[in-house]
């Protein structure tokens, strides 16, 4: 079963990677087509301008195609260079100087090619010399704009990738902390259960065996729920009942519980393994300082935007320090709720006369 689960997970990961690669290739193809179409449109504009100036058709097309092709190649080199090198504080000077240099290089190559191609056409050679300044200015503007756009594009892309890596790192840290919190079963509960089993083994072996079985089912349930992000409240209550059965063996008639869960609330979901530490806290501060019977109350109600659960226990104001009720058990629950929902107000504790109440709110 574990191998099948691993294979399914690997298959899903591979499918996701393939989908991302196909999407990236599709985006690259669209960008390439847009780049070619853009320069083709620029070539047609240049042809129309040269024809309006009275240049013959064959010269016009050669001039426009050579000029546009070289500009497209230089722009592509600049865009590709930006992929591997992004200037820092000097980026505006970098764009200015690079545009000046590339425009000069472009003009030199274009004039050389066109001079060689039409060296016998004196009229065109004169036209080429007269329009050199205009050609240089246009190429400078185009290369400058392309360089600036490329710089902004890759800067934004790098910033997005950095942000995604930070989010992934934060998510990994969050998942690790959540896993640690869920793994921290209160040691004193396990130790006390084992001590109770040891005490019962000599005098009441049947109860000891029953308690061992319940403890085994409880721990097995803990392991089963480690991979579950959330479960229904009814599942959580069923699991919590195993813990209460163990505690009732320990405390006997002294521990009584009342669980009231409305039908809509039972179907709502909450983080797995979140109630046991709260109930354990209630038992600890309700029974440890008294020899009388105590009733732990659990009430769950469904609201339009939240599930509200209250766990109440009586305490003796003279012997019990309820301020300790916000110790590790409740603080770990509060931390889990913050990591999952990003809120610090989902766990609250109140004291009324001799009753301590812990309430949690799970956003729907």
Protein backbone atom coordinates (compact mmCIF):
# COMPACT_ATOMS: atom_id res chain seq x y z
CA UNK A 1 0.00 0.00 0.00
CA UNK A 2 2.82 2.39 0.88
CA UNK A 3 4.59 1.58 -2.42
CA UNK A 4 1.38 2.25 -4.38
CA UNK A 5 0.93 5.57 -2.57
CA UNK A 6 4.54 6.51 -3.35
CA UNK A 7 4.08 5.62 -7.04
CA UNK A 8 0.89 7.67 -7.26
CA UNK A 9 2.65 10.63 -5.61
CA UNK A 10 5.57 10.36 -8.06
CA UNK A 11 3.18 10.12 -11.01
CA UNK A 12 1.31 13.24 -9.89
CA UNK A 13 4.60 15.11 -9.42
CA UNK A 14 5.80 14.07 -12.90
CA UNK A 15 2.48 15.07 -14.47
CA UNK A 16 2.68 18.46 -12.74
CA UNK A 17 6.25 18.98 -13.99
CA UNK A 18 5.24 18.01 -17.55
CA UNK A 19 2.32 20.43 -17.44
CA UNK A 20 4.60 23.26 -16.26
CA UNK A 21 7.14 22.47 -19.03
CA UNK A 22 4.42 22.45 -21.69
CA UNK A 23 3.10 25.77 -20.41
CA UNK A 24 6.59 27.29 -20.44
CA UNK A 25 7.22 26.03 -24.01
CA UNK A 26 3.86 27.42 -25.11
CA UNK A 27 4.70 30.83 -23.61
CA UNK A 28 8.13 30.82 -25.27
CA UNK A 29 6.55 29.97 -28.64
CA UNK A 30 4.01 32.78 -28.29
CA UNK A 31 6.76 35.25 -27.36
CA UNK A 32 8.88 34.17 -30.33
CA UNK A 33 5.96 34.55 -32.75
CA UNK A 34 5.14 37.98 -31.30
CA UNK A 35 8.80 39.02 -31.65
CA UNK A 36 8.93 37.98 -35.31
CA UNK A 37 5.59 39.63 -36.11
CA UNK A 38 6.68 42.85 -34.38
CA UNK A 39 9.84 43.18 -36.43
CA UNK A 40 7.99 42.22 -39.62
CA UNK A 41 5.55 45.05 -38.95
CA UNK A 42 8.49 47.43 -38.35
CA UNK A 43 10.01 46.33 -41.68
CA UNK A 44 6.79 47.11 -43.54
CA UNK A 45 6.64 50.57 -41.96
CA UNK A 46 10.23 51.23 -43.02
CA UNK A 47 9.45 50.06 -46.57
CA UNK A 48 6.49 52.45 -46.75
CA UNK A 49 8.57 55.39 -45.47
CA UNK A 50 11.40 54.76 -47.95
CA UNK A 51 8.96 54.43 -50.84
CA UNK A 52 7.34 57.73 -49.87
CA UNK A 53 10.81 59.32 -50.07
CA UNK A 54 11.11 58.15 -53.70
CA UNK A 55 13.52 55.22 -53.19
CA UNK A 56 13.11 52.41 -55.73
CA UNK A 57 11.29 49.27 -54.65
CA UNK A 58 14.25 46.84 -54.81
CA UNK A 59 16.49 49.16 -52.75
CA UNK A 60 13.68 49.82 -50.29
CA UNK A 61 13.15 46.15 -49.48
CA UNK A 62 16.87 45.42 -49.12
CA UNK A 63 17.40 48.49 -46.92
CA UNK A 64 14.40 47.70 -44.71
CA UNK A 65 15.16 43.99 -44.40
CA UNK A 66 18.86 44.48 -43.61
CA UNK A 67 18.15 47.24 -41.09
CA UNK A 68 15.33 45.36 -39.34
CA UNK A 69 17.14 42.01 -39.32
CA UNK A 70 20.26 43.49 -37.71
CA UNK A 71 18.18 45.44 -35.18
CA UNK A 72 16.26 42.26 -34.33
CA UNK A 73 19.52 40.30 -33.87
CA UNK A 74 21.08 42.98 -31.67
CA UNK A 75 17.87 43.24 -29.63
CA UNK A 76 17.79 39.46 -29.23
CA UNK A 77 21.41 39.49 -27.99
CA UNK A 78 20.53 42.20 -25.47
CA UNK A 79 17.41 40.31 -24.27
CA UNK A 80 19.39 37.08 -23.98
CA UNK A 81 22.19 38.88 -22.10
CA UNK A 82 19.67 40.28 -19.61
CA UNK A 83 18.66 36.73 -18.79
CA UNK A 84 22.11 36.08 -17.31
CA UNK A 85 23.19 39.52 -16.15
CA UNK A 86 21.09 42.21 -14.53
CA UNK A 87 22.85 45.46 -13.58
CA UNK A 88 22.42 46.76 -10.06
CA UNK A 89 22.36 50.41 -9.03
CA UNK A 90 24.01 51.44 -12.29
CA UNK A 91 21.22 49.98 -14.43
CA UNK A 92 20.09 53.29 -16.00
CA UNK A 93 23.62 54.21 -17.02
CA UNK A 94 24.02 50.65 -18.25
CA UNK A 95 20.93 50.98 -20.47
CA UNK A 96 22.08 54.37 -21.81
CA UNK A 97 25.65 53.33 -22.61
CA UNK A 98 24.60 49.96 -24.03
CA UNK A 99 22.03 51.63 -26.28
CA UNK A 100 24.60 54.16 -27.53
CA UNK A 101 27.18 51.46 -28.26
CA UNK A 102 24.77 49.00 -29.88
CA UNK A 103 23.20 51.72 -32.01
CA UNK A 104 26.63 52.79 -33.26
CA UNK A 105 27.57 49.19 -34.01
CA UNK A 106 24.28 48.64 -35.82
CA UNK A 107 24.71 51.78 -37.95
CA UNK A 108 28.29 50.83 -38.87
CA UNK A 109 27.29 47.33 -39.99
CA UNK A 110 24.17 48.51 -41.88
CA UNK A 111 26.06 51.24 -43.74
CA UNK A 112 28.86 48.82 -44.64
CA UNK A 113 26.45 46.20 -46.00
CA UNK A 114 24.31 48.68 -47.93
CA UNK A 115 27.38 50.52 -49.27
CA UNK A 116 28.81 47.25 -50.60
CA UNK A 117 25.40 46.19 -51.97
CA UNK A 118 24.64 49.48 -53.75
CA UNK A 119 28.11 50.98 -54.16
CA UNK A 120 27.44 51.88 -57.80
CA UNK A 121 24.31 53.85 -56.94
CA UNK A 122 25.67 57.32 -56.12
CA UNK A 123 22.24 58.77 -55.39
CA UNK A 124 21.44 56.11 -52.80
CA UNK A 125 24.90 56.48 -51.25
CA UNK A 126 24.20 60.17 -50.74
CA UNK A 127 20.76 59.34 -49.29
CA UNK A 128 22.38 56.83 -46.94
CA UNK A 129 24.81 59.45 -45.65
CA UNK A 130 22.08 62.07 -45.18
CA UNK A 131 19.86 59.72 -43.17
CA UNK A 132 22.59 58.30 -40.90
CA UNK A 133 21.71 60.60 -37.99
CA UNK A 134 18.01 59.75 -38.25
CA UNK A 135 18.79 56.04 -38.49
CA UNK A 136 21.04 56.26 -35.44
CA UNK A 137 18.40 58.13 -33.41
CA UNK A 138 15.67 55.61 -34.33
CA UNK A 139 17.90 52.63 -33.53
CA UNK A 140 18.94 54.26 -30.23
CA UNK A 141 15.30 54.71 -29.20
CA UNK A 142 14.33 51.18 -30.23
CA UNK A 143 17.32 49.50 -28.59
CA UNK A 144 16.93 51.67 -25.48
CA UNK A 145 13.26 50.77 -25.14
CA UNK A 146 13.90 47.07 -25.71
CA UNK A 147 16.78 47.11 -23.22
CA UNK A 148 14.68 48.89 -20.58
CA UNK A 149 11.70 46.57 -21.09
CA UNK A 150 13.99 43.54 -20.88
CA UNK A 151 15.58 44.89 -17.72
CA UNK A 152 12.20 45.47 -16.08
CA UNK A 153 10.91 42.08 -17.25
CA UNK A 154 13.82 40.07 -15.85
CA UNK A 155 14.01 42.18 -12.70
CA UNK A 156 10.33 41.49 -12.04
CA UNK A 157 10.82 37.82 -12.89
CA UNK A 158 13.74 37.53 -10.47
CA UNK A 159 11.75 39.30 -7.75
CA UNK A 160 8.84 36.91 -8.32
CA UNK A 161 11.15 33.88 -8.15
CA UNK A 162 12.76 35.19 -4.97
CA UNK A 163 9.33 35.74 -3.44
CA UNK A 164 8.23 32.23 -4.47
CA UNK A 165 11.37 30.74 -2.93
CA UNK A 166 10.75 32.69 0.27
CA UNK A 167 7.14 31.47 0.34
CA UNK A 168 8.29 27.89 -0.25
CA UNK A 169 10.85 28.22 2.55
CA UNK A 170 8.23 29.68 4.88
CA UNK A 171 5.80 26.91 3.91
CA UNK A 172 8.44 24.25 4.60
CA UNK A 173 9.20 25.83 7.98
CA UNK A 174 5.48 26.06 8.72
CA UNK A 175 4.90 22.41 7.75
CA UNK A 176 7.89 21.33 9.84
CA UNK A 177 6.61 23.23 12.87
CA UNK A 178 3.10 21.86 12.42
CA UNK A 179 4.50 18.34 12.17
CA UNK A 180 6.54 18.89 15.33
CA UNK A 181 3.53 20.24 17.21
CA UNK A 182 1.38 17.31 16.12
CA UNK A 183 4.08 14.86 17.16
CA UNK A 184 4.31 16.24 20.69
CA UNK A 185 2.01 13.92 22.62
CA UNK A 186 2.03 15.06 26.25
CA UNK A 187 4.64 12.84 27.95
CA UNK A 188 2.91 12.91 31.34
CA UNK A 189 -0.28 11.42 29.79
CA UNK A 190 1.67 8.45 28.43
CA UNK A 191 3.68 8.03 31.64
CA UNK A 192 0.58 8.28 33.83
CA UNK A 193 -1.22 5.73 31.67
CA UNK A 194 1.68 3.30 31.94
CA UNK A 195 1.86 3.86 35.71
CA UNK A 196 -1.88 3.19 35.97
CA UNK A 197 -1.49 0.01 33.92
CA UNK A 198 1.35 -1.08 36.21
CA UNK A 199 -0.79 -0.44 39.30
CA UNK A 200 -3.79 -2.28 37.86
CA UNK A 201 -1.75 -5.27 36.65
CA UNK A 202 -1.45 -6.71 40.17
CA UNK A 203 -4.92 -5.99 41.53
CA UNK A 204 -7.16 -5.73 38.48
CA UNK A 205 -5.48 -7.46 35.52
CA UNK A 206 -8.63 -7.30 33.38
CA UNK A 207 -8.74 -3.51 33.66
CA UNK A 208 -5.02 -3.35 32.96
CA UNK A 209 -5.42 -5.40 29.75
CA UNK A 210 -8.41 -3.25 28.73
CA UNK A 211 -6.42 -0.08 29.32
CA UNK A 212 -3.48 -1.42 27.29
CA UNK A 213 -5.84 -2.15 24.41
CA UNK A 214 -7.35 1.34 24.60
CA UNK A 215 -3.93 2.97 24.77
CA UNK A 216 -2.83 0.94 21.76
CA UNK A 217 -5.88 2.04 19.75
CA UNK A 218 -5.34 5.64 20.81
CA UNK A 219 -1.69 5.68 19.69
CA UNK A 220 -2.56 3.85 16.47
CA UNK A 221 -5.18 6.51 15.77
CA UNK A 222 -2.55 9.19 16.33
CA UNK A 223 -0.30 7.62 13.69
CA UNK A 224 -3.15 7.23 11.20
CA UNK A 225 -4.07 10.89 11.48
CA UNK A 226 -0.53 12.26 11.06
CA UNK A 227 -1.00 12.61 7.28
CA UNK A 228 -4.46 14.16 7.52
CA UNK A 229 -4.67 17.94 7.34
CA UNK A 230 -8.26 18.05 8.60
CA UNK A 231 -11.04 15.69 9.62
CA UNK A 232 -14.71 16.03 10.49
CA UNK A 233 -15.60 16.94 14.04
CA UNK A 234 -17.40 13.60 14.42
CA UNK A 235 -14.15 11.74 13.59
CA UNK A 236 -12.27 13.90 16.09
CA UNK A 237 -14.88 13.21 18.79
CA UNK A 238 -14.72 9.44 18.10
CA UNK A 239 -10.95 9.55 18.46
CA UNK A 240 -11.21 11.74 21.57
CA UNK A 241 -13.51 9.14 23.14
CA UNK A 242 -10.59 6.65 23.15
CA UNK A 243 -8.56 9.12 25.20
CA UNK A 244 -11.48 9.71 27.60
CA UNK A 245 -11.97 5.95 28.05
CA UNK A 246 -8.33 5.65 29.10
CA UNK A 247 -8.65 8.52 31.56
CA UNK A 248 -11.86 7.06 32.99
CA UNK A 249 -9.99 3.85 33.76
CA UNK A 250 -7.39 5.92 35.61
CA UNK A 251 -9.80 8.14 37.55
CA UNK A 252 -12.80 5.81 37.78
CA UNK A 253 -16.04 7.39 39.03
CA UNK A 254 -14.29 10.71 39.65
CA UNK A 255 -14.29 11.59 35.93
CA UNK A 256 -17.47 12.20 34.03
CA UNK A 257 -17.87 13.83 30.64
CA UNK A 258 -20.70 15.36 28.69
CA UNK A 259 -20.30 15.79 24.94
CA UNK A 260 -22.87 17.92 23.10
CA UNK A 261 -22.36 18.23 19.35
CA UNK A 262 -25.02 19.62 17.04
CA UNK A 263 -25.64 17.73 13.81
CA UNK A 264 -24.38 20.55 11.53
CA UNK A 265 -21.25 20.91 13.69
CA UNK A 266 -20.46 17.18 13.49
CA UNK A 267 -20.06 17.46 9.71
CA UNK A 268 -17.74 20.46 9.82
CA UNK A 269 -13.97 20.02 9.55
CA UNK A 270 -11.13 21.04 11.84
CA UNK A 271 -7.38 20.30 12.09
CA UNK A 272 -6.74 16.70 13.13
CA UNK A 273 -5.71 15.91 16.73
CA UNK A 274 -6.54 19.36 18.07
CA UNK A 275 -9.04 18.59 20.85
CA UNK A 276 -7.09 16.02 22.89
CA UNK A 277 -4.59 18.54 24.38
CA UNK A 278 -7.47 20.86 25.32
CA UNK A 279 -9.41 18.09 27.05
CA UNK A 280 -6.22 16.86 28.71
CA UNK A 281 -5.66 20.37 30.05
CA UNK A 282 -9.24 20.39 31.42
CA UNK A 283 -8.74 17.01 33.15
CA UNK A 284 -5.39 18.10 34.58
CA UNK A 285 -6.72 21.27 36.20
CA UNK A 286 -10.11 19.79 37.04
CA UNK A 287 -9.13 16.57 38.80
CA UNK A 288 -5.54 16.83 39.99
CA UNK A 289 -6.33 19.10 42.94
CA UNK A 290 -9.52 17.45 44.16
CA UNK A 291 -10.80 14.05 45.31
CA UNK A 292 -14.39 14.74 44.31
CA UNK A 293 -16.09 13.77 41.05
CA UNK A 294 -15.67 16.23 38.20
CA UNK A 295 -17.61 16.71 34.97
CA UNK A 296 -15.77 17.87 31.85
CA UNK A 297 -18.14 19.49 29.35
CA UNK A 298 -17.55 19.61 25.60
CA UNK A 299 -19.95 21.72 23.52
CA UNK A 300 -19.74 22.20 19.75
CA UNK A 301 -21.96 24.48 17.68
CA UNK A 302 -21.97 25.39 14.00
CA UNK A 303 -22.16 29.03 12.97
CA UNK A 304 -22.43 30.49 9.44
CA UNK A 305 -18.70 31.19 9.17
CA UNK A 306 -17.13 29.08 11.91
CA UNK A 307 -17.21 26.01 14.13
CA UNK A 308 -17.10 26.90 17.82
CA UNK A 309 -16.04 24.37 20.47
CA UNK A 310 -15.99 24.97 24.23
CA UNK A 311 -14.32 22.71 26.79
CA UNK A 312 -15.19 23.53 30.42
CA UNK A 313 -13.92 22.13 33.70
CA UNK A 314 -14.55 23.06 37.33
CA UNK A 315 -11.63 23.97 39.56
CA UNK A 316 -10.99 24.78 43.18
CA UNK A 317 -9.96 28.45 43.44
CA UNK A 318 -8.04 27.72 46.64
CA UNK A 319 -5.87 24.89 45.33
CA UNK A 320 -5.78 25.26 41.56
CA UNK A 321 -3.84 27.90 39.63
CA UNK A 322 -5.80 28.37 36.40
CA UNK A 323 -3.20 30.75 35.01
CA UNK A 324 -1.17 27.63 34.27
CA UNK A 325 -4.01 26.54 32.01
CA UNK A 326 -2.36 28.42 29.16
CA UNK A 327 0.77 26.28 29.36
CA UNK A 328 2.31 24.08 26.67
CA UNK A 329 -0.91 22.23 25.73
CA UNK A 330 -2.97 25.30 24.93
CA UNK A 331 -0.06 27.34 23.59
CA UNK A 332 0.74 24.57 21.10
CA UNK A 333 -2.89 24.57 19.94
CA UNK A 334 -2.85 28.35 19.60
CA UNK A 335 0.35 28.14 17.57
CA UNK A 336 -1.12 25.45 15.29
CA UNK A 337 -4.22 27.56 14.67
CA UNK A 338 -2.05 30.57 13.84
CA UNK A 339 0.08 28.57 11.39
CA UNK A 340 -2.99 27.16 9.66
CA UNK A 341 -5.32 30.18 9.64
CA UNK A 342 -2.97 33.12 10.25
CA UNK A 343 -4.96 34.36 13.27
CA UNK A 344 -4.11 34.66 16.96
CA UNK A 345 -7.67 35.13 18.21
CA UNK A 346 -9.03 31.63 17.58
CA UNK A 347 -8.29 30.26 21.06
CA UNK A 348 -9.63 32.01 24.14
CA UNK A 349 -9.81 31.11 27.83
CA UNK A 350 -12.24 32.50 30.39
CA UNK A 351 -12.77 32.01 34.13
CA UNK A 352 -16.20 32.33 35.74
CA UNK A 353 -16.45 31.64 39.48
CA UNK A 354 -15.12 28.06 39.72
CA UNK A 355 -15.35 27.13 36.01
CA UNK A 356 -12.51 27.37 33.50
CA UNK A 357 -13.54 27.43 29.81
CA UNK A 358 -11.35 27.08 26.77
CA UNK A 359 -13.01 27.93 23.46
CA UNK A 360 -11.65 27.53 19.95
CA UNK A 361 -13.09 28.86 16.72
CA UNK A 362 -12.41 27.09 13.42
CA UNK A 363 -13.12 29.28 10.36
CA UNK A 364 -15.44 27.54 7.90
